[in-house]
Amino acid sequence: MINIYICDFRSNKEIQHMVVRQNMTISALLDEVLDLPKDINVGIFGKLMDNSYTLKNNDRVEFYEKILVDPKIRRKKRVSK
């Protein structure tokens, strides 16, 4: 068993501690444990990761909001106005 910490943007930045089985991937965590959609953006310690990443002891798993507009394009539109 390994310890992980869950940081979800929907829970007011609260960090939750969880104990999961070894060799669990992000995909398995989303599907089996948390029952979240697989298309959600997931990062480990601030770095965006693929769903095939195998979780390690003391990883901080972060869930991110989908970006609706690319920030670069948004700035260009604002400047052009």
Protein backbone atom coordinates (compact mmCIF):
# COMPACT_ATOMS: atom_id res chain seq x y z
CA MET A 1 0.00 0.00 0.00
CA ILE A 2 1.15 3.53 -0.76
CA ASN A 3 0.14 6.96 0.54
CA ILE A 4 -1.05 9.62 -1.87
CA TYR A 5 -2.45 13.10 -1.38
CA ILE A 6 -5.38 14.36 -3.44
CA CYS A 7 -5.68 18.07 -4.28
CA ASP A 8 -8.90 18.85 -6.16
CA PHE A 9 -9.80 22.29 -7.56
CA ARG A 10 -13.45 21.71 -6.59
CA SER A 11 -12.78 21.17 -2.87
CA ASN A 12 -11.45 24.62 -1.88
CA LYS A 13 -7.79 23.54 -2.00
CA GLU A 14 -8.23 20.93 0.75
CA ILE A 15 -5.70 18.12 0.53
CA GLN A 16 -6.98 14.64 1.29
CA HIS A 17 -4.84 11.68 2.31
CA MET A 18 -5.56 8.29 0.74
CA VAL A 19 -3.98 4.86 0.92
CA VAL A 20 -4.11 2.91 -2.35
CA ARG A 21 -2.63 -0.33 -3.64
CA GLN A 22 0.83 -0.41 -5.18
CA ASN A 23 1.19 -0.21 -8.96
CA MET A 24 -2.04 1.79 -9.29
CA THR A 25 -2.16 4.03 -12.35
CA ILE A 26 -3.90 7.39 -12.59
CA SER A 27 -6.47 5.77 -14.88
CA ALA A 28 -7.29 3.11 -12.26
CA LEU A 29 -7.46 5.76 -9.53
CA LEU A 30 -9.95 7.81 -11.53
CA ASP A 31 -12.08 4.83 -12.51
CA GLU A 32 -11.99 2.47 -9.52
CA VAL A 33 -11.45 4.71 -6.51
CA LEU A 34 -12.68 8.23 -7.27
CA ASP A 35 -15.27 7.54 -9.97
CA LEU A 36 -14.20 10.57 -12.03
CA PRO A 37 -14.20 10.95 -15.84
CA LYS A 38 -10.97 9.87 -17.53
CA ASP A 39 -10.73 13.07 -19.58
CA ILE A 40 -9.94 15.23 -16.52
CA ASN A 41 -6.45 16.79 -16.43
CA VAL A 42 -4.26 15.20 -13.75
CA GLY A 43 -0.87 16.30 -12.50
CA ILE A 44 1.68 15.10 -9.99
CA PHE A 45 3.36 17.89 -8.01
CA GLY A 46 2.30 20.47 -10.60
CA LYS A 47 3.41 18.54 -13.68
CA LEU A 48 0.71 17.33 -16.09
CA MET A 49 0.83 13.52 -16.35
CA ASP A 50 -0.57 10.87 -18.65
CA ASN A 51 -3.23 8.51 -17.25
CA SER A 52 -0.80 5.58 -17.60
CA TYR A 53 1.51 7.04 -14.91
CA THR A 54 2.02 4.63 -11.99
CA LEU A 55 1.53 6.34 -8.64
CA LYS A 56 4.42 6.40 -6.18
CA ASN A 57 4.47 6.76 -2.40
CA ASN A 58 3.72 10.31 -1.20
CA ASP A 59 2.66 11.60 -4.65
CA ARG A 60 0.42 14.66 -4.60
CA VAL A 61 -2.25 14.04 -7.24
CA GLU A 62 -3.78 17.27 -8.55
CA PHE A 63 -6.90 17.67 -10.66
CA TYR A 64 -7.10 20.70 -12.94
CA GLU A 65 -9.94 22.58 -14.59
CA LYS A 66 -10.20 22.48 -18.35
CA ILE A 67 -8.89 25.63 -20.00
CA LEU A 68 -11.62 27.08 -22.18
CA VAL A 69 -9.50 29.71 -23.95
CA ASP A 70 -5.77 29.64 -24.61
CA PRO A 71 -4.24 32.48 -22.52
CA LYS A 72 -2.02 33.61 -25.43
CA ILE A 73 -4.98 34.02 -27.75
CA ARG A 74 -6.95 35.79 -25.03
CA ARG A 75 -4.16 38.34 -24.51
CA LYS A 76 -3.86 38.97 -28.25
CA LYS A 77 -7.60 39.63 -28.52
CA ARG A 78 -7.48 41.99 -25.55
CA VAL A 79 -4.55 43.93 -27.02
CA SER A 80 -6.20 44.22 -30.43
CA LYS A 81 -9.29 45.88 -28.94
